[in-house]
């Protein structure tokens, strides 16, 4: 029984990550519209553009080495 629950947890996690990956660009469009009032439409091409921008600039790391 615990193996089944473990596998369902993994499947749920994967499904959750896929849903988050699909919805995240829409959340970013909503946030920009709310903060700045740009009036960006919720279309597939805008979703794709935000997805590409997120994949390009989403992982910016800054590290400072103090010697």
PDB file of N, CA and C in Angstrom:
ATOM      1  N   UNK A   1       0.818  -1.197   0.000  1.00  0.00           N
ATOM      2  CA  UNK A   1       0.000   0.000   0.000  1.00  0.00           C
ATOM      3  C   UNK A   1       0.860   1.258   0.000  1.00  0.00           C
ATOM      4  N   UNK A   2       1.958   1.264   0.761  1.00  0.00           N
ATOM      5  CA  UNK A   2       2.800   2.451   0.822  1.00  0.00           C
ATOM      6  C   UNK A   2       3.520   2.676  -0.505  1.00  0.00           C
ATOM      7  N   UNK A   3       3.818   1.582  -1.227  1.00  0.00           N
ATOM      8  CA  UNK A   3       4.448   1.736  -2.536  1.00  0.00           C
ATOM      9  C   UNK A   3       3.495   2.423  -3.503  1.00  0.00           C
ATOM     10  N   UNK A   4       2.211   2.069  -3.448  1.00  0.00           N
ATOM     11  CA  UNK A   4       1.210   2.698  -4.305  1.00  0.00           C
ATOM     12  C   UNK A   4       1.089   4.183  -3.988  1.00  0.00           C
ATOM     13  N   UNK A   5       1.045   4.535  -2.699  1.00  0.00           N
ATOM     14  CA  UNK A   5       0.953   5.938  -2.312  1.00  0.00           C
ATOM     15  C   UNK A   5       2.203   6.704  -2.727  1.00  0.00           C
ATOM     16  N   UNK A   6       3.350   6.069  -2.646  1.00  0.00           N
ATOM     17  CA  UNK A   6       4.589   6.707  -3.063  1.00  0.00           C
ATOM     18  C   UNK A   6       4.576   6.980  -4.561  1.00  0.00           C
ATOM     19  N   UNK A   7       4.131   6.007  -5.337  1.00  0.00           N
ATOM     20  CA  UNK A   7       4.067   6.186  -6.786  1.00  0.00           C
ATOM     21  C   UNK A   7       3.031   7.236  -7.163  1.00  0.00           C
ATOM     22  N   UNK A   8       1.896   7.260  -6.468  1.00  0.00           N
ATOM     23  CA  UNK A   8       0.888   8.276  -6.741  1.00  0.00           C
ATOM     24  C   UNK A   8       1.409   9.662  -6.389  1.00  0.00           C
ATOM     25  N   UNK A   9       2.208   9.758  -5.341  1.00  0.00           N
ATOM     26  CA  UNK A   9       2.809  11.034  -4.972  1.00  0.00           C
ATOM     27  C   UNK A   9       3.762  11.538  -6.038  1.00  0.00           C
ATOM     28  N   UNK A  10       4.538  10.640  -6.614  1.00  0.00           N
ATOM     29  CA  UNK A  10       5.468  11.009  -7.679  1.00  0.00           C
ATOM     30  C   UNK A  10       4.702  11.437  -8.915  1.00  0.00           C
ATOM     31  N   UNK A  11       3.661  10.677  -9.269  1.00  0.00           N
ATOM     32  CA  UNK A  11       2.843  11.024 -10.431  1.00  0.00           C
ATOM     33  C   UNK A  11       2.165  12.378 -10.202  1.00  0.00           C
ATOM     34  N   UNK A  12       1.654  12.609  -8.996  1.00  0.00           N
ATOM     35  CA  UNK A  12       1.028  13.882  -8.674  1.00  0.00           C
ATOM     36  C   UNK A  12       2.007  15.043  -8.762  1.00  0.00           C
ATOM     37  N   UNK A  13       3.228  14.816  -8.309  1.00  0.00           N
ATOM     38  CA  UNK A  13       4.255  15.841  -8.395  1.00  0.00           C
ATOM     39  C   UNK A  13       4.572  16.179  -9.848  1.00  0.00           C
ATOM     40  N   UNK A  14       4.699  15.172 -10.681  1.00  0.00           N
ATOM     41  CA  UNK A  14       4.986  15.396 -12.103  1.00  0.00           C
ATOM     42  C   UNK A  14       3.834  16.147 -12.762  1.00  0.00           C
ATOM     43  N   UNK A  15       2.610  15.736 -12.473  1.00  0.00           N
ATOM     44  CA  UNK A  15       1.445  16.420 -13.046  1.00  0.00           C
ATOM     45  C   UNK A  15       1.384  17.864 -12.561  1.00  0.00           C
ATOM     46  N   UNK A  16       1.665  18.083 -11.286  1.00  0.00           N
ATOM     47  CA  UNK A  16       1.679  19.433 -10.740  1.00  0.00           C
ATOM     48  C   UNK A  16       2.725  20.316 -11.406  1.00  0.00           C
ATOM     49  N   UNK A  17       3.905  19.774 -11.653  1.00  0.00           N
ATOM     50  CA  UNK A  17       4.954  20.547 -12.315  1.00  0.00           C
ATOM     51  C   UNK A  17       4.584  20.883 -13.753  1.00  0.00           C
ATOM     52  N   UNK A  18       3.945  19.945 -14.448  1.00  0.00           N
ATOM     53  CA  UNK A  18       3.509  20.206 -15.822  1.00  0.00           C
ATOM     54  C   UNK A  18       2.443  21.301 -15.835  1.00  0.00           C
ATOM     55  N   UNK A  19       1.478  21.217 -14.924  1.00  0.00           N
ATOM     56  CA  UNK A  19       0.428  22.237 -14.852  1.00  0.00           C
ATOM     57  C   UNK A  19       1.033  23.591 -14.506  1.00  0.00           C
ATOM     58  N   UNK A  20       1.960  23.629 -13.569  1.00  0.00           N
ATOM     59  CA  UNK A  20       2.623  24.873 -13.209  1.00  0.00           C
ATOM     60  C   UNK A  20       3.400  25.445 -14.396  1.00  0.00           C
ATOM     61  N   UNK A  21       4.059  24.584 -15.139  1.00  0.00           N
ATOM     62  CA  UNK A  21       4.791  25.034 -16.324  1.00  0.00           C
ATOM     63  C   UNK A  21       3.882  25.612 -17.393  1.00  0.00           C
ATOM     64  N   UNK A  22       2.668  25.089 -17.482  1.00  0.00           N
ATOM     65  CA  UNK A  22       1.720  25.603 -18.468  1.00  0.00           C
ATOM     66  C   UNK A  22       1.094  26.905 -17.990  1.00  0.00           C
ATOM     67  N   UNK A  23       0.783  27.003 -16.707  1.00  0.00           N
ATOM     68  CA  UNK A  23       0.085  28.177 -16.186  1.00  0.00           C
ATOM     69  C   UNK A  23       1.012  29.340 -15.832  1.00  0.00           C
ATOM     70  N   UNK A  24       2.281  29.078 -15.580  1.00  0.00           N
ATOM     71  CA  UNK A  24       3.182  30.129 -15.131  1.00  0.00           C
ATOM     72  C   UNK A  24       3.265  31.308 -16.106  1.00  0.00           C
ATOM     73  N   UNK A  25       3.384  31.100 -17.427  1.00  0.00           N
ATOM     74  CA  UNK A  25       3.398  32.258 -18.339  1.00  0.00           C
ATOM     75  C   UNK A  25       2.124  33.099 -18.242  1.00  0.00           C
ATOM     76  N   UNK A  26       0.982  32.459 -18.034  1.00  0.00           N
ATOM     77  CA  UNK A  26      -0.261  33.220 -17.880  1.00  0.00           C
ATOM     78  C   UNK A  26      -0.249  34.032 -16.599  1.00  0.00           C
ATOM     79  N   UNK A  27       0.331  33.481 -15.542  1.00  0.00           N
ATOM     80  CA  UNK A  27       0.446  34.215 -14.285  1.00  0.00           C
ATOM     81  C   UNK A  27       1.347  35.435 -14.467  1.00  0.00           C
ATOM     82  N   UNK A  28       2.422  35.287 -15.216  1.00  0.00           N
ATOM     83  CA  UNK A  28       3.312  36.421 -15.457  1.00  0.00           C
ATOM     84  C   UNK A  28       2.633  37.498 -16.295  1.00  0.00           C
ATOM     85  N   UNK A  29       1.870  37.106 -17.316  1.00  0.00           N
ATOM     86  CA  UNK A  29       1.124  38.084 -18.115  1.00  0.00           C
ATOM     87  C   UNK A  29       0.126  38.823 -17.231  1.00  0.00           C
ATOM     88  N   UNK A  30      -0.580  38.090 -16.371  1.00  0.00           N
ATOM     89  CA  UNK A  30      -1.531  38.714 -15.461  1.00  0.00           C
ATOM     90  C   UNK A  30      -0.835  39.708 -14.538  1.00  0.00           C
ATOM     91  N   UNK A  31       0.330  39.321 -14.020  1.00  0.00           N
ATOM     92  CA  UNK A  31       1.057  40.188 -13.091  1.00  0.00           C
ATOM     93  C   UNK A  31       1.505  41.477 -13.780  1.00  0.00           C
ATOM     94  N   UNK A  32       2.015  41.375 -14.981  1.00  0.00           N
ATOM     95  CA  UNK A  32       2.452  42.566 -15.711  1.00  0.00           C
ATOM     96  C   UNK A  32       1.257  43.459 -16.021  1.00  0.00           C
ATOM     97  N   UNK A  33       0.152  42.852 -16.433  1.00  0.00           N
ATOM     98  CA  UNK A  33      -1.050  43.641 -16.707  1.00  0.00           C
ATOM     99  C   UNK A  33      -1.552  44.342 -15.454  1.00  0.00           C
ATOM    100  N   UNK A  34      -1.498  43.661 -14.334  1.00  0.00           N
ATOM    101  CA  UNK A  34      -1.990  44.246 -13.089  1.00  0.00           C
ATOM    102  C   UNK A  34      -1.081  45.373 -12.614  1.00  0.00           C
ATOM    103  N   UNK A  35       0.216  45.151 -12.650  1.00  0.00           N
ATOM    104  CA  UNK A  35       1.143  46.145 -12.128  1.00  0.00           C
ATOM    105  C   UNK A  35       1.289  47.370 -13.028  1.00  0.00           C
ATOM    106  N   UNK A  36       1.363  47.153 -14.321  1.00  0.00           N
ATOM    107  CA  UNK A  36       1.691  48.245 -15.233  1.00  0.00           C
ATOM    108  C   UNK A  36       0.549  48.640 -16.164  1.00  0.00           C
ATOM    109  N   UNK A  37      -0.527  47.863 -16.214  1.00  0.00           N
ATOM    110  CA  UNK A  37      -1.672  48.199 -17.049  1.00  0.00           C
ATOM    111  C   UNK A  37      -1.382  48.165 -18.543  1.00  0.00           C
ATOM    112  N   UNK A  38      -0.566  47.238 -18.993  1.00  0.00           N
ATOM    113  CA  UNK A  38      -0.224  47.161 -20.411  1.00  0.00           C
ATOM    114  C   UNK A  38      -1.365  46.654 -21.278  1.00  0.00           C
ATOM    115  N   UNK A  39      -2.247  45.867 -20.725  1.00  0.00           N
ATOM    116  CA  UNK A  39      -3.363  45.322 -21.502  1.00  0.00           C
ATOM    117  C   UNK A  39      -2.929  44.230 -22.468  1.00  0.00           C
ATOM    118  N   UNK A  40      -1.985  43.408 -22.070  1.00  0.00           N
ATOM    119  CA  UNK A  40      -1.508  42.312 -22.913  1.00  0.00           C
ATOM    120  C   UNK A  40      -2.591  41.241 -22.969  1.00  0.00           C
ATOM    121  N   UNK A  41      -2.907  40.785 -24.170  1.00  0.00           N
ATOM    122  CA  UNK A  41      -3.946  39.771 -24.350  1.00  0.00           C
ATOM    123  C   UNK A  41      -3.412  38.394 -23.945  1.00  0.00           C
ATOM    124  N   UNK A  42      -4.340  37.530 -23.559  1.00  0.00           N
ATOM    125  CA  UNK A  42      -3.992  36.160 -23.181  1.00  0.00           C
ATOM    126  C   UNK A  42      -4.144  35.252 -24.395  1.00  0.00           C
ATOM    127  N   UNK A  43      -3.199  35.348 -25.312  1.00  0.00           N
ATOM    128  CA  UNK A  43      -3.235  34.527 -26.522  1.00  0.00           C
ATOM    129  C   UNK A  43      -2.121  33.488 -26.459  1.00  0.00           C
ATOM    130  N   UNK A  44      -2.188  32.530 -27.367  1.00  0.00           N
ATOM    131  CA  UNK A  44      -1.174  31.481 -27.400  1.00  0.00           C
ATOM    132  C   UNK A  44       0.206  32.065 -27.720  1.00  0.00           C
ATOM    133  N   UNK A  45       0.261  33.007 -28.647  1.00  0.00           N
ATOM    134  CA  UNK A  45       1.562  33.573 -29.015  1.00  0.00           C
ATOM    135  C   UNK A  45       2.170  34.364 -27.859  1.00  0.00           C
ATOM    136  N   UNK A  46       1.350  35.084 -27.100  1.00  0.00           N
ATOM    137  CA  UNK A  46       1.873  35.791 -25.931  1.00  0.00           C
ATOM    138  C   UNK A  46       2.316  34.803 -24.860  1.00  0.00           C
ATOM    139  N   UNK A  47       1.558  33.734 -24.682  1.00  0.00           N
ATOM    140  CA  UNK A  47       1.947  32.687 -23.732  1.00  0.00           C
ATOM    141  C   UNK A  47       3.297  32.097 -24.130  1.00  0.00           C
ATOM    142  N   UNK A  48       3.452  31.816 -25.414  1.00  0.00           N
ATOM    143  CA  UNK A  48       4.699  31.240 -25.919  1.00  0.00           C
ATOM    144  C   UNK A  48       5.861  32.215 -25.748  1.00  0.00           C
ATOM    145  N   UNK A  49       5.616  33.493 -25.992  1.00  0.00           N
ATOM    146  CA  UNK A  49       6.668  34.496 -25.832  1.00  0.00           C
ATOM    147  C   UNK A  49       7.130  34.584 -24.381  1.00  0.00           C
ATOM    148  N   UNK A  50       6.193  34.569 -23.442  1.00  0.00           N
ATOM    149  CA  UNK A  50       6.563  34.617 -22.026  1.00  0.00           C
ATOM    150  C   UNK A  50       7.286  33.339 -21.623  1.00  0.00           C
ATOM    151  N   UNK A  51       6.866  32.206 -22.157  1.00  0.00           N
ATOM    152  CA  UNK A  51       7.543  30.950 -21.871  1.00  0.00           C
ATOM    153  C   UNK A  51       8.994  30.996 -22.337  1.00  0.00           C
ATOM    154  N   UNK A  52       9.216  31.518 -23.521  1.00  0.00           N
ATOM    155  CA  UNK A  52      10.573  31.614 -24.055  1.00  0.00           C
ATOM    156  C   UNK A  52      11.408  32.590 -23.235  1.00  0.00           C
ATOM    157  N   UNK A  53      10.822  33.737 -22.856  1.00  0.00           N
ATOM    158  CA  UNK A  53      11.553  34.685 -22.021  1.00  0.00           C
ATOM    159  C   UNK A  53      11.890  34.092 -20.663  1.00  0.00           C
ATOM    160  N   UNK A  54      10.953  33.346 -20.091  1.00  0.00           N
ATOM    161  CA  UNK A  54      11.196  32.714 -18.803  1.00  0.00           C
ATOM    162  C   UNK A  54      12.303  31.672 -18.906  1.00  0.00           C
ATOM    163  N   UNK A  55      12.298  30.905 -19.977  1.00  0.00           N
ATOM    164  CA  UNK A  55      13.343  29.891 -20.146  1.00  0.00           C
ATOM    165  C   UNK A  55      14.695  30.552 -20.401  1.00  0.00           C
ATOM    166  N   UNK A  56      14.699  31.706 -21.044  1.00  0.00           N
ATOM    167  CA  UNK A  56      15.952  32.381 -21.358  1.00  0.00           C
ATOM    168  C   UNK A  56      16.537  33.091 -20.139  1.00  0.00           C
ATOM    169  N   UNK A  57      15.697  33.865 -19.443  1.00  0.00           N
ATOM    170  CA  UNK A  57      16.197  34.705 -18.363  1.00  0.00           C
ATOM    171  C   UNK A  57      15.769  34.232 -16.979  1.00  0.00           C
ATOM    172  N   UNK A  58      15.072  33.146 -16.881  1.00  0.00           N
ATOM    173  CA  UNK A  58      14.505  32.719 -15.617  1.00  0.00           C
ATOM    174  C   UNK A  58      15.502  32.230 -14.604  1.00  0.00           C
ATOM    175  N   UNK A  59      16.659  31.804 -15.033  1.00  0.00           N
ATOM    176  CA  UNK A  59      17.620  31.256 -14.085  1.00  0.00           C
ATOM    177  C   UNK A  59      18.849  32.147 -14.036  1.00  0.00           C
ATOM    178  N   UNK A  60      18.671  33.301 -13.441  1.00  0.00           N
ATOM    179  CA  UNK A  60      19.790  34.227 -13.274  1.00  0.00           C
ATOM    180  C   UNK A  60      20.320  34.077 -11.856  1.00  0.00           C
ATOM    181  N   UNK A  61      21.552  33.672 -11.759  1.00  0.00           N
ATOM    182  CA  UNK A  61      22.173  33.486 -10.446  1.00  0.00           C
ATOM    183  C   UNK A  61      23.283  34.529 -10.269  1.00  0.00           C
ATOM    184  N   UNK A  62      23.321  35.085  -9.097  1.00  0.00           N
ATOM    185  CA  UNK A  62      24.375  36.031  -8.754  1.00  0.00           C
ATOM    186  C   UNK A  62      25.093  35.473  -7.549  1.00  0.00           C
ATOM    187  N   UNK A  63      26.400  35.376  -7.669  1.00  0.00           N
ATOM    188  CA  UNK A  63      27.170  34.887  -6.533  1.00  0.00           C
ATOM    189  C   UNK A  63      28.322  35.851  -6.255  1.00  0.00           C
ATOM    190  N   UNK A  64      28.573  36.049  -4.991  1.00  0.00           N
ATOM    191  CA  UNK A  64      29.641  36.942  -4.564  1.00  0.00           C
ATOM    192  C   UNK A  64      30.613  36.118  -3.730  1.00  0.00           C
ATOM    193  N   UNK A  65      31.849  36.103  -4.131  1.00  0.00           N
ATOM    194  CA  UNK A  65      32.885  35.405  -3.381  1.00  0.00           C
ATOM    195  C   UNK A  65      33.677  36.424  -2.590  1.00  0.00           C
ATOM    196  N   UNK A  66      33.607  36.313  -1.290  1.00  0.00           N
ATOM    197  CA  UNK A  66      34.395  37.211  -0.434  1.00  0.00           C
ATOM    198  C   UNK A  66      35.653  36.478   0.010  1.00  0.00           C
ATOM    199  N   UNK A  67      36.767  37.037  -0.349  1.00  0.00           N
ATOM    200  CA  UNK A  67      38.030  36.404   0.013  1.00  0.00           C
ATOM    201  C   UNK A  67      38.641  37.009   1.242  1.00  0.00           C
TER     202      UNK A  67
END
